[in-house]
Structures are given as C-alpha cells and as structure tokens.
Amino acid sequence: MTRTTQADKSAAKYPSLAGKRVLVTGGATGIGEALVTGFAGQGAHVAFLDMQDAAGEALVRRLTGEGFVAPRFAHCDLTDLDSLGHNVATLAAEMGDFDILLNNAANDDRHAISDVTPAYWDERIAVNLRHLFFAAQAVIPGMKAAGGGSIVNFGSISWHLALPDLVLYQTAKAAIEGMTRSMARELGADNIRVNTIIPGNVETPRQAKWYTPEGEAEIIAAQCLKARVQPADVAAMALFLASDDARMCTGHDYWVDAGWR
C-alpha cells in the first residue's frame, strides 16, 4: 500500500487554514512532525515546541527548503510551566494570537505498578496531562478575542485496549478525553471547538522500539484495515478538525486506528 504524506498533491486542501496561526507541542518528530508538515503545507503559520533541538531545527530547514511556510521552533520542556507560558507568550507576540492548538506531546515509557513512586507519578502526569491544560489556558484568551478557535488534544488507544505496563500513561490519556468534553462545554459559547484524536498504533521510530515484527503482525491482524497507520494519517484528521469544514464538530473523540479496537 502506498504511504501518503501531507505533501502529496492528492491530499485534501483546506482554504480556511491558510494564514492561520498554529501551535504544536512535541512537533519535532513522529506524529508531531507530520502535524507541523501538514499545517505548513496548508499555508498556515506554524510554531512548535519540543526538547529535541537537532530534530526541531532539521525540520525547520527541511520545510523551508521544500518551499513550505517556514515554521518556528522553540525549545521547551513542557513540564516546566513557566517555560511553557513564556514560550507561548513570546511566539504569540511575534506571530499573533494562535487560532489552533495541537496538544500532541506525550511519552509512553513502560512501567510496572510496583515501581511507581509519588515522584514518578507526578512526573508522568506532568509529561502526559498537565501541560495540555495549561497550553490551552494560555491560548484561550487570544482565541476568544478572535471570535473562535480550535483545540485538538491527543489521546491514545492504549487505555481502551487496556495494554500492559502503561498504567500512568493510560490514566493521563483517559483524563484527556474527559478534559476535552469539559473544555468543549465551557468554551462553546466563545466558538472555540475542542476535540480529541485517538491514534492507534502509528508507525514511528519511537514505536519501533516497543514492537517486534511478530507484535506488529498481531496488531495488523487485529485491525480491520491491514496496513500500519502512518503519522500523516493522523495529521489528516487534525487538518480536518482544525478547519472550518469541521465547524460543528466539538467535544468528541475521533479515531485513527485502522479499526483496531
């Protein structure tokens, strides 16, 4: 099966995304890289936060060289809320208030229940849940002033499948779906839409470290569609949800899992 990217000429174009100001967390690699590429390809002005400096700078160079709207990269440890707030404020001052937030960053390191300490609990929640709320809090005033916006949070299929060795990650990802529902209700009167994308097992270099070829074959066998989900497939859903074509979509979960669950 041919693997597509958002750079493909056959990919959907959303005129409403051109010129929009977009913030992506965890945008240097994997799904985040596909998000930055996809929105830049739509003519949006994209900024992304990540701790991976070399990968982030390389992505900026690649997209600039390919003629995309050059994204802006800022180093940011999202567990440091002062750094998060400073970066969002600085980028907004340079670019204008953000119209779209893609709360993508997360870390799915494996762990056993018996190994979890209070400090590790706090660190995992900070990595996988807390920054989504505070990134949203930082961009909401600008969205209200502009008359609307779109926030896309990223969940995970893992807790729906009850996968092993991920209890804290799955706790955070389950909470994200509840947060989306609550935010959508509170922000709807301001024309701010909030949705969750739930990816399945996406083929990225990070995921490759967790799965053997036999494990990948088991996943594909359990899916309705017999191919690996690609980062660009997830980005395609995000493009739709952020666009005006999805103007009446809010408060819900959108699956990109090839029918795995």
Protein backbone atom coordinates (compact mmCIF):
# COMPACT_ATOMS: atom_id res chain seq x y z
CA MET A 1 0.00 0.00 0.00
CA THR A 2 1.30 3.47 -0.87
CA ARG A 3 2.07 5.59 2.15
CA THR A 4 0.94 9.16 1.76
CA THR A 5 2.14 12.37 3.33
CA GLN A 6 0.51 15.77 3.57
CA ALA A 7 2.95 16.95 0.90
CA ASP A 8 1.20 14.69 -1.65
CA LYS A 9 -0.67 16.64 -4.29
CA SER A 10 -3.68 14.35 -3.82
CA ALA A 11 -4.07 15.34 -0.15
CA ALA A 12 -7.05 17.48 0.83
CA LYS A 13 -6.63 21.25 0.90
CA TYR A 14 -8.48 23.43 3.39
CA PRO A 15 -8.58 27.09 2.32
CA SER A 16 -9.70 28.10 5.82
CA LEU A 17 -6.33 27.00 7.25
CA ALA A 18 -4.26 29.35 5.09
CA GLY A 19 -2.79 32.09 7.24
CA LYS A 20 -3.98 30.55 10.50
CA ARG A 21 -1.56 30.63 13.43
CA VAL A 22 -0.95 27.12 14.76
CA LEU A 23 0.87 25.88 17.87
CA VAL A 24 2.03 22.26 18.04
CA THR A 25 3.50 20.66 21.17
CA GLY A 26 6.04 17.91 20.62
CA GLY A 27 6.40 18.84 16.97
CA ALA A 28 9.93 17.73 16.11
CA THR A 29 9.39 14.03 15.36
CA GLY A 30 6.75 11.35 14.80
CA ILE A 31 3.12 12.48 14.72
CA GLY A 32 4.19 15.99 15.71
CA GLU A 33 6.47 16.29 12.69
CA ALA A 34 3.57 15.22 10.45
CA LEU A 35 1.36 17.86 12.09
CA VAL A 36 3.89 20.63 11.51
CA THR A 37 4.39 19.48 7.91
CA GLY A 38 0.68 19.14 7.23
CA PHE A 39 -0.31 22.57 8.54
CA ALA A 40 2.67 24.29 6.94
CA GLY A 41 1.60 22.70 3.67
CA GLN A 42 -1.81 24.31 4.06
CA GLY A 43 -0.23 27.75 4.22
CA ALA A 44 -0.65 28.08 7.99
CA HIS A 45 1.91 29.84 10.17
CA VAL A 46 3.15 27.10 12.48
CA ALA A 47 5.13 27.25 15.70
CA PHE A 48 6.16 24.12 17.54
CA LEU A 49 7.63 23.31 20.94
CA ASP A 50 9.98 20.42 21.65
CA MET A 51 13.04 19.45 23.66
CA GLN A 52 14.74 17.81 20.67
CA ASP A 53 16.76 20.71 19.31
CA ALA A 54 18.56 18.91 16.48
CA ALA A 55 15.37 17.33 15.16
CA GLY A 56 13.40 20.57 15.51
CA GLU A 57 15.98 22.64 13.67
CA ALA A 58 16.28 19.98 10.97
CA LEU A 59 12.52 20.05 10.42
CA VAL A 60 12.56 23.82 10.00
CA ARG A 61 15.37 23.54 7.44
CA ARG A 62 13.63 20.75 5.55
CA LEU A 63 10.29 22.51 5.25
CA THR A 64 11.93 25.82 4.33
CA GLY A 65 13.95 24.08 1.64
CA GLU A 66 10.83 22.42 0.24
CA GLY A 67 9.10 25.81 -0.15
CA PHE A 68 6.67 25.46 2.76
CA VAL A 69 5.75 28.34 5.02
CA ALA A 70 8.74 28.18 7.38
CA PRO A 71 7.68 27.07 10.86
CA ARG A 72 9.12 28.48 14.08
CA PHE A 73 10.74 26.15 16.57
CA ALA A 74 11.22 26.89 20.26
CA HIS A 75 12.99 24.65 22.76
CA CYS A 76 10.62 23.95 25.64
CA ASP A 77 10.37 21.47 28.49
CA LEU A 78 6.60 21.21 28.76
CA THR A 79 6.82 20.01 32.35
CA ASP A 80 8.19 23.47 33.23
CA LEU A 81 5.04 25.57 33.18
CA ASP A 82 6.96 28.85 33.43
CA SER A 83 8.89 27.91 30.29
CA LEU A 84 5.68 26.86 28.56
CA GLY A 85 3.95 30.12 29.39
CA HIS A 86 6.96 32.19 28.36
CA ASN A 87 7.31 30.41 25.02
CA VAL A 88 3.62 30.69 24.16
CA ALA A 89 3.57 34.38 25.06
CA THR A 90 6.76 35.10 23.10
CA LEU A 91 5.59 33.27 19.99
CA ALA A 92 2.16 34.93 20.15
CA ALA A 93 3.81 38.35 20.43
CA GLU A 94 5.85 37.59 17.31
CA MET A 95 3.19 35.83 15.24
CA GLY A 96 -0.14 36.97 16.66
CA ASP A 97 -2.52 35.03 18.87
CA PHE A 98 -2.94 31.36 18.00
CA ASP A 99 -6.05 30.17 16.19
CA ILE A 100 -5.26 26.46 16.57
CA LEU A 101 -3.60 24.42 19.32
CA LEU A 102 -2.49 20.83 18.77
CA ASN A 103 -1.76 19.27 22.17
CA ASN A 104 0.33 16.40 20.84
CA ALA A 105 3.32 15.89 23.18
CA ALA A 106 3.42 12.77 25.35
CA ASN A 107 5.73 9.96 26.45
CA ASP A 108 4.70 6.32 26.74
CA ASP A 109 7.62 4.84 28.66
CA ARG A 110 6.70 1.50 30.15
CA HIS A 111 6.46 0.95 33.89
CA ALA A 112 5.16 -1.53 36.45
CA ILE A 113 2.68 -0.58 39.17
CA SER A 114 5.11 -1.78 41.84
CA ASP A 115 7.80 0.62 40.61
CA VAL A 116 5.68 3.79 40.73
CA THR A 117 6.70 6.31 43.39
CA PRO A 118 4.85 9.55 44.19
CA ALA A 119 7.61 11.48 42.41
CA TYR A 120 7.29 9.30 39.29
CA TRP A 121 3.50 9.68 39.38
CA ASP A 122 3.84 13.47 39.41
CA GLU A 123 6.43 13.42 36.63
CA ARG A 124 4.35 11.20 34.35
CA ILE A 125 1.22 13.32 34.86
CA ALA A 126 3.27 16.42 34.11
CA VAL A 127 4.59 14.83 30.92
CA ASN A 128 1.31 13.40 29.66
CA LEU A 129 -1.55 15.54 31.00
CA ARG A 130 -0.81 18.74 32.88
CA HIS A 131 0.77 20.74 30.06
CA LEU A 132 -2.24 20.15 27.79
CA PHE A 133 -4.45 22.11 30.16
CA PHE A 134 -2.01 24.95 30.65
CA ALA A 135 -1.18 25.26 26.94
CA ALA A 136 -4.91 25.58 26.31
CA GLN A 137 -5.27 28.09 29.13
CA ALA A 138 -2.51 30.19 27.54
CA VAL A 139 -4.10 30.38 24.06
CA ILE A 140 -7.78 30.64 25.00
CA PRO A 141 -7.81 34.44 25.62
CA GLY A 142 -6.48 35.07 22.13
CA MET A 143 -9.00 32.70 20.61
CA LYS A 144 -11.83 34.42 22.45
CA ALA A 145 -10.65 37.81 21.21
CA ALA A 146 -10.52 36.48 17.65
CA GLY A 147 -14.04 35.07 17.84
CA GLY A 148 -13.13 31.40 17.94
CA GLY A 149 -10.51 28.71 17.58
CA SER A 150 -9.79 25.01 17.60
CA ILE A 151 -8.02 22.93 20.24
CA VAL A 152 -7.13 19.35 19.34
CA ASN A 153 -5.96 17.13 22.19
CA PHE A 154 -4.27 13.82 21.54
CA GLY A 155 -5.40 10.73 23.42
CA SER A 156 -4.40 7.11 22.97
CA ILE A 157 -5.98 3.83 22.05
CA SER A 158 -3.90 2.18 24.78
CA TRP A 159 -6.31 2.60 27.67
CA HIS A 160 -9.27 1.49 25.56
CA LEU A 161 -7.38 -1.75 24.93
CA ALA A 162 -6.01 -1.98 28.50
CA LEU A 163 -2.46 -2.58 27.28
CA PRO A 164 0.08 -3.71 29.90
CA ASP A 165 2.82 -1.70 31.62
CA LEU A 166 1.29 1.71 30.90
CA VAL A 167 -0.93 2.46 33.89
CA LEU A 168 0.16 6.09 34.40
CA TYR A 169 0.24 6.87 30.69
CA GLN A 170 -3.22 5.37 30.28
CA THR A 171 -4.53 7.23 33.33
CA ALA A 172 -3.40 10.51 31.77
CA LYS A 173 -4.76 9.65 28.34
CA ALA A 174 -8.15 8.69 29.76
CA ALA A 175 -8.26 12.02 31.60
CA ILE A 176 -7.59 13.89 28.37
CA GLU A 177 -10.89 12.69 26.92
CA GLY A 178 -12.73 13.98 29.99
CA MET A 179 -10.87 17.29 29.80
CA THR A 180 -11.87 17.65 26.15
CA ARG A 181 -15.54 17.19 26.97
CA SER A 182 -15.39 19.72 29.81
CA MET A 183 -13.50 22.33 27.80
CA ALA A 184 -15.81 21.95 24.82
CA ARG A 185 -18.79 22.68 27.04
CA GLU A 186 -17.21 25.72 28.70
CA LEU A 187 -15.74 27.22 25.53
CA GLY A 188 -18.50 26.53 23.04
CA ALA A 189 -20.20 29.88 23.65
CA ASP A 190 -16.95 31.53 22.52
CA ASN A 191 -16.90 29.47 19.31
CA ILE A 192 -13.85 27.52 20.47
CA ARG A 193 -14.04 23.89 19.47
CA VAL A 194 -12.24 21.18 21.46
CA ASN A 195 -11.79 17.61 20.22
CA THR A 196 -9.62 14.57 20.86
CA ILE A 197 -7.81 12.50 18.25
CA ILE A 198 -7.18 8.91 19.34
CA PRO A 199 -4.43 7.34 17.25
CA GLY A 200 -3.98 3.61 17.00
CA ASN A 201 -0.54 2.07 16.69
CA VAL A 202 1.23 4.61 14.50
CA GLU A 203 4.40 3.57 12.70
CA THR A 204 7.09 5.87 14.07
CA PRO A 205 10.73 5.25 15.06
CA ARG A 206 9.72 5.50 18.73
CA GLN A 207 7.05 2.84 18.41
CA ALA A 208 9.50 0.57 16.62
CA LYS A 209 11.43 0.17 19.89
CA TRP A 210 8.44 -1.44 21.60
CA TYR A 211 7.30 -3.94 18.96
CA THR A 212 8.88 -6.99 17.34
CA PRO A 213 7.89 -7.92 13.77
CA GLU A 214 5.67 -10.59 15.31
CA GLY A 215 3.99 -8.00 17.53
CA GLU A 216 3.38 -5.71 14.57
CA ALA A 217 1.84 -8.60 12.66
CA GLU A 218 -0.54 -9.23 15.56
CA ILE A 219 -1.65 -5.59 15.53
CA ILE A 220 -2.31 -5.62 11.80
CA ALA A 221 -4.22 -8.88 12.12
CA ALA A 222 -6.45 -7.26 14.77
CA GLN A 223 -7.13 -4.20 12.61
CA CYS A 224 -9.93 -4.02 10.04
CA LEU A 225 -7.54 -2.35 7.60
CA LYS A 226 -4.38 -4.35 7.00
CA ALA A 227 -1.72 -1.64 6.98
CA ARG A 228 0.21 0.35 9.55
CA VAL A 229 -1.22 3.72 10.48
CA GLN A 230 1.16 6.50 9.41
CA PRO A 231 1.77 9.88 11.09
CA ALA A 232 0.30 11.59 8.01
CA ASP A 233 -2.96 9.68 8.55
CA VAL A 234 -3.27 11.25 11.99
CA ALA A 235 -2.31 14.67 10.65
CA ALA A 236 -5.05 14.39 8.03
CA MET A 237 -7.66 14.10 10.78
CA ALA A 238 -6.14 17.06 12.63
CA LEU A 239 -6.29 19.20 9.50
CA PHE A 240 -9.98 18.48 9.11
CA LEU A 241 -10.83 19.10 12.77
CA ALA A 242 -8.94 22.40 12.79
CA SER A 243 -10.53 23.62 9.57
CA ASP A 244 -13.82 25.43 9.09
CA ASP A 245 -15.14 22.27 7.43
CA ALA A 246 -15.44 20.86 10.98
CA ARG A 247 -17.16 23.95 12.35
CA MET A 248 -19.87 21.91 14.07
CA CYS A 249 -17.55 19.22 15.46
CA THR A 250 -16.67 19.62 19.13
CA GLY A 251 -16.49 17.68 22.37
CA HIS A 252 -15.83 14.30 20.79
CA ASP A 253 -13.22 11.66 20.07
CA TYR A 254 -12.02 10.90 16.55
CA TRP A 255 -10.27 7.59 15.96
CA VAL A 256 -7.43 6.96 13.53
CA ASP A 257 -6.69 3.32 14.32
CA ALA A 258 -7.45 1.28 11.17
CA GLY A 259 -10.29 -0.32 13.13
CA TRP A 260 -8.01 -1.89 15.75
CA ARG A 261 -10.31 -1.54 18.74
